[in-house]
Amino acid sequence: MTDTPPDRLSIDPDSPYFDQPLLERGIGIRFKGVERKDVEEYSISENWVRVALGKKVDRRGRPLTIKLSGPVEAWFQRPAEGDEGASAEG
């Protein structure tokens, strides 16, 4: 795996941008210089994040989200499983 997160990622399993193995590594998001833990989806190239709108849900029980625009930074919080052994050997 690479140490660069994808340009776009979602935590919604129905989204085409959902990727379980990447999400298990943990993704850190900094939006407008502030680290956020409530991001549902992000796009680095398009400079936006989607966050839940309180506890409101749609008729299917999924959280309602709002799209916020601004600079987005993303990083992995844990190294890939194959990378851990390589860094310990060197």
N, C-alpha and C. Protein backbone atom coordinates (compact mmCIF):
# COMPACT_ATOMS: atom_id res chain seq x y z
N MET A 1 0.84 -1.19 0.00
CA MET A 1 0.00 0.00 0.00
C MET A 1 0.88 1.25 0.00
N THR A 2 0.29 2.32 -0.41
CA THR A 2 1.00 3.59 -0.46
C THR A 2 0.75 4.39 0.81
N ASP A 3 1.63 5.36 1.07
CA ASP A 3 1.45 6.21 2.25
C ASP A 3 0.62 7.44 1.95
N THR A 4 0.13 7.57 0.73
CA THR A 4 -0.71 8.69 0.35
C THR A 4 -2.17 8.25 0.28
N PRO A 5 -3.04 8.89 1.07
CA PRO A 5 -4.46 8.54 1.00
C PRO A 5 -5.05 8.88 -0.37
N PRO A 6 -6.14 8.25 -0.74
CA PRO A 6 -6.76 8.55 -2.04
C PRO A 6 -7.29 9.97 -2.07
N ASP A 7 -7.48 10.48 -3.29
CA ASP A 7 -7.99 11.84 -3.47
C ASP A 7 -9.39 11.98 -2.90
N ARG A 8 -10.18 10.90 -2.97
CA ARG A 8 -11.55 10.96 -2.47
C ARG A 8 -11.87 9.66 -1.74
N LEU A 9 -12.52 9.76 -0.59
CA LEU A 9 -12.84 8.59 0.22
C LEU A 9 -14.11 8.86 1.00
N SER A 10 -14.92 7.80 1.18
CA SER A 10 -16.19 7.91 1.88
C SER A 10 -16.31 6.79 2.90
N ILE A 11 -17.02 7.03 4.00
CA ILE A 11 -17.27 5.98 4.98
C ILE A 11 -18.59 5.28 4.73
N ASP A 12 -19.35 5.72 3.72
CA ASP A 12 -20.64 5.11 3.37
C ASP A 12 -20.40 3.87 2.50
N PRO A 13 -20.79 2.66 2.97
CA PRO A 13 -20.55 1.45 2.19
C PRO A 13 -21.24 1.44 0.83
N ASP A 14 -22.27 2.23 0.62
CA ASP A 14 -22.97 2.29 -0.67
C ASP A 14 -22.27 3.22 -1.67
N SER A 15 -21.28 3.96 -1.23
CA SER A 15 -20.58 4.91 -2.10
C SER A 15 -19.54 4.20 -2.96
N PRO A 16 -19.33 4.66 -4.20
CA PRO A 16 -18.26 4.08 -5.02
C PRO A 16 -16.87 4.44 -4.50
N TYR A 17 -16.78 5.39 -3.57
CA TYR A 17 -15.50 5.82 -3.01
C TYR A 17 -15.21 5.17 -1.65
N PHE A 18 -15.98 4.17 -1.28
CA PHE A 18 -15.79 3.44 -0.03
C PHE A 18 -14.67 2.42 -0.22
N ASP A 19 -13.72 2.35 0.75
CA ASP A 19 -12.62 1.37 0.69
C ASP A 19 -12.30 0.93 2.12
N GLN A 20 -12.83 -0.22 2.52
CA GLN A 20 -12.71 -0.71 3.89
C GLN A 20 -11.25 -0.87 4.36
N PRO A 21 -10.35 -1.47 3.57
CA PRO A 21 -8.97 -1.62 4.05
C PRO A 21 -8.29 -0.28 4.35
N LEU A 22 -8.56 0.73 3.56
CA LEU A 22 -7.98 2.05 3.83
C LEU A 22 -8.57 2.67 5.09
N LEU A 23 -9.87 2.51 5.28
CA LEU A 23 -10.52 3.07 6.46
C LEU A 23 -10.02 2.39 7.74
N GLU A 24 -9.69 1.10 7.66
CA GLU A 24 -9.18 0.38 8.84
C GLU A 24 -7.83 0.92 9.28
N ARG A 25 -7.05 1.47 8.36
CA ARG A 25 -5.77 2.08 8.72
C ARG A 25 -5.97 3.38 9.48
N GLY A 26 -7.12 4.00 9.33
CA GLY A 26 -7.39 5.28 9.97
C GLY A 26 -6.95 6.42 9.07
N ILE A 27 -7.84 7.35 8.85
CA ILE A 27 -7.56 8.52 8.01
C ILE A 27 -7.71 9.76 8.87
N GLY A 28 -6.67 10.57 8.90
CA GLY A 28 -6.74 11.85 9.58
C GLY A 28 -7.10 12.92 8.56
N ILE A 29 -7.99 13.84 8.94
CA ILE A 29 -8.43 14.91 8.05
C ILE A 29 -8.21 16.26 8.73
N ARG A 30 -7.56 17.16 8.02
CA ARG A 30 -7.43 18.54 8.49
C ARG A 30 -8.16 19.40 7.47
N PHE A 31 -9.18 20.13 7.94
CA PHE A 31 -10.00 20.97 7.08
C PHE A 31 -9.87 22.41 7.57
N LYS A 32 -9.40 23.28 6.70
CA LYS A 32 -9.16 24.70 7.03
C LYS A 32 -8.26 24.83 8.25
N GLY A 33 -7.26 23.96 8.35
CA GLY A 33 -6.28 24.04 9.43
C GLY A 33 -6.71 23.41 10.74
N VAL A 34 -7.91 22.82 10.80
CA VAL A 34 -8.42 22.22 12.03
C VAL A 34 -8.64 20.72 11.79
N GLU A 35 -8.10 19.89 12.68
CA GLU A 35 -8.30 18.45 12.55
C GLU A 35 -9.73 18.10 12.92
N ARG A 36 -10.39 17.32 12.05
CA ARG A 36 -11.79 16.97 12.25
C ARG A 36 -11.95 15.47 12.35
N LYS A 37 -12.86 15.04 13.22
CA LYS A 37 -13.15 13.62 13.41
C LYS A 37 -14.53 13.23 12.87
N ASP A 38 -15.30 14.19 12.38
CA ASP A 38 -16.69 13.94 11.96
C ASP A 38 -16.89 13.94 10.46
N VAL A 39 -15.84 13.70 9.68
CA VAL A 39 -15.92 13.75 8.22
C VAL A 39 -16.50 12.44 7.69
N GLU A 40 -17.55 12.54 6.88
CA GLU A 40 -18.18 11.38 6.25
C GLU A 40 -17.53 11.07 4.91
N GLU A 41 -17.12 12.10 4.18
CA GLU A 41 -16.51 11.94 2.86
C GLU A 41 -15.66 13.18 2.60
N TYR A 42 -14.59 13.01 1.81
CA TYR A 42 -13.76 14.16 1.47
C TYR A 42 -13.26 14.05 0.04
N SER A 43 -12.85 15.18 -0.53
CA SER A 43 -12.18 15.24 -1.82
C SER A 43 -11.08 16.29 -1.72
N ILE A 44 -9.84 15.84 -1.86
CA ILE A 44 -8.71 16.75 -1.75
C ILE A 44 -8.64 17.67 -2.97
N SER A 45 -8.77 17.11 -4.18
CA SER A 45 -8.63 17.91 -5.40
C SER A 45 -9.76 18.93 -5.57
N GLU A 46 -10.95 18.60 -5.09
CA GLU A 46 -12.08 19.51 -5.23
C GLU A 46 -12.26 20.40 -4.00
N ASN A 47 -11.43 20.21 -2.97
CA ASN A 47 -11.42 21.05 -1.76
C ASN A 47 -12.76 21.08 -1.04
N TRP A 48 -13.27 19.92 -0.63
CA TRP A 48 -14.50 19.88 0.15
C TRP A 48 -14.52 18.65 1.06
N VAL A 49 -15.34 18.75 2.11
CA VAL A 49 -15.63 17.63 3.00
C VAL A 49 -17.14 17.57 3.21
N ARG A 50 -17.64 16.38 3.53
CA ARG A 50 -19.04 16.22 3.93
C ARG A 50 -19.04 15.81 5.39
N VAL A 51 -19.83 16.51 6.19
CA VAL A 51 -19.95 16.20 7.61
C VAL A 51 -21.42 16.00 7.96
N ALA A 52 -21.66 15.20 9.00
CA ALA A 52 -23.02 14.94 9.45
C ALA A 52 -23.64 16.22 10.00
N LEU A 53 -24.92 16.38 9.76
CA LEU A 53 -25.66 17.56 10.20
C LEU A 53 -26.36 17.22 11.51
N GLY A 54 -25.60 17.24 12.59
CA GLY A 54 -26.14 16.88 13.90
C GLY A 54 -26.56 15.43 13.95
N LYS A 55 -27.70 15.15 14.56
CA LYS A 55 -28.21 13.79 14.66
C LYS A 55 -29.35 13.53 13.69
N LYS A 56 -29.53 14.44 12.72
CA LYS A 56 -30.62 14.30 11.76
C LYS A 56 -30.31 13.16 10.78
N VAL A 57 -31.34 12.40 10.43
CA VAL A 57 -31.20 11.30 9.49
C VAL A 57 -32.25 11.41 8.39
N ASP A 58 -31.96 10.80 7.23
CA ASP A 58 -32.94 10.80 6.15
C ASP A 58 -33.94 9.66 6.38
N ARG A 59 -34.85 9.46 5.44
CA ARG A 59 -35.90 8.46 5.63
C ARG A 59 -35.36 7.03 5.64
N ARG A 60 -34.13 6.83 5.18
CA ARG A 60 -33.51 5.50 5.21
C ARG A 60 -32.62 5.29 6.42
N GLY A 61 -32.55 6.28 7.31
CA GLY A 61 -31.78 6.16 8.54
C GLY A 61 -30.32 6.57 8.41
N ARG A 62 -29.92 7.07 7.24
CA ARG A 62 -28.55 7.54 7.04
C ARG A 62 -28.44 8.99 7.49
N PRO A 63 -27.30 9.39 8.01
CA PRO A 63 -27.17 10.77 8.48
C PRO A 63 -27.25 11.78 7.34
N LEU A 64 -27.92 12.89 7.60
CA LEU A 64 -27.93 13.99 6.65
C LEU A 64 -26.56 14.66 6.72
N THR A 65 -26.03 15.05 5.57
CA THR A 65 -24.70 15.66 5.54
C THR A 65 -24.76 17.02 4.88
N ILE A 66 -23.75 17.82 5.15
CA ILE A 66 -23.59 19.13 4.54
C ILE A 66 -22.19 19.17 3.94
N LYS A 67 -22.07 19.80 2.78
CA LYS A 67 -20.80 19.89 2.08
C LYS A 67 -20.16 21.24 2.42
N LEU A 68 -18.93 21.19 2.94
CA LEU A 68 -18.19 22.39 3.30
C LEU A 68 -16.99 22.52 2.37
N SER A 69 -16.73 23.73 1.87
CA SER A 69 -15.62 23.96 0.94
C SER A 69 -14.45 24.61 1.65
N GLY A 70 -13.25 24.19 1.27
CA GLY A 70 -12.03 24.75 1.83
C GLY A 70 -10.88 23.78 1.65
N PRO A 71 -9.67 24.19 2.03
CA PRO A 71 -8.51 23.32 1.86
C PRO A 71 -8.60 22.07 2.74
N VAL A 72 -8.27 20.91 2.13
CA VAL A 72 -8.37 19.62 2.81
C VAL A 72 -7.01 18.93 2.77
N GLU A 73 -6.56 18.42 3.91
CA GLU A 73 -5.36 17.59 3.99
C GLU A 73 -5.77 16.24 4.58
N ALA A 74 -5.19 15.16 4.06
CA ALA A 74 -5.50 13.82 4.57
C ALA A 74 -4.20 13.04 4.77
N TRP A 75 -4.18 12.17 5.78
CA TRP A 75 -3.03 11.32 6.04
C TRP A 75 -3.50 10.04 6.72
N PHE A 76 -2.66 9.00 6.62
CA PHE A 76 -2.95 7.75 7.31
C PHE A 76 -2.49 7.86 8.75
N GLN A 77 -3.30 7.35 9.68
CA GLN A 77 -2.93 7.39 11.08
C GLN A 77 -2.05 6.21 11.49
N ARG A 78 -2.13 5.10 10.72
CA ARG A 78 -1.31 3.92 10.99
C ARG A 78 -0.64 3.49 9.69
N PRO A 79 0.57 2.94 9.77
CA PRO A 79 1.23 2.46 8.56
C PRO A 79 0.56 1.20 8.02
N ALA A 80 0.79 0.91 6.77
CA ALA A 80 0.28 -0.31 6.16
C ALA A 80 0.92 -1.51 6.86
N GLU A 81 0.24 -2.66 6.87
CA GLU A 81 0.75 -3.82 7.59
C GLU A 81 2.10 -4.29 7.06
N GLY A 82 2.33 -4.24 5.78
CA GLY A 82 3.61 -4.63 5.21
C GLY A 82 4.71 -3.66 5.52
N ASP A 83 4.39 -2.39 5.78
CA ASP A 83 5.39 -1.35 6.04
C ASP A 83 5.95 -1.42 7.46
N GLU A 84 5.22 -1.99 8.40
CA GLU A 84 5.67 -2.04 9.79
C GLU A 84 6.95 -2.85 9.92
N GLY A 85 7.02 -4.01 9.31
CA GLY A 85 8.20 -4.87 9.39
C GLY A 85 9.39 -4.24 8.70
N ALA A 86 9.18 -3.58 7.59
CA ALA A 86 10.29 -2.96 6.85
C ALA A 86 10.92 -1.84 7.65
N SER A 87 10.11 -1.06 8.38
CA SER A 87 10.68 0.05 9.14
C SER A 87 11.39 -0.47 10.39
N ALA A 88 11.00 -1.62 10.94
CA ALA A 88 11.65 -2.19 12.12
C ALA A 88 13.01 -2.78 11.77
N GLU A 89 13.16 -3.30 10.52
CA GLU A 89 14.40 -3.91 10.11
C GLU A 89 15.48 -2.88 9.83
N GLY A 90 15.08 -1.70 9.35
CA GLY A 90 16.05 -0.68 8.92
C GLY A 90 16.53 0.15 9.98
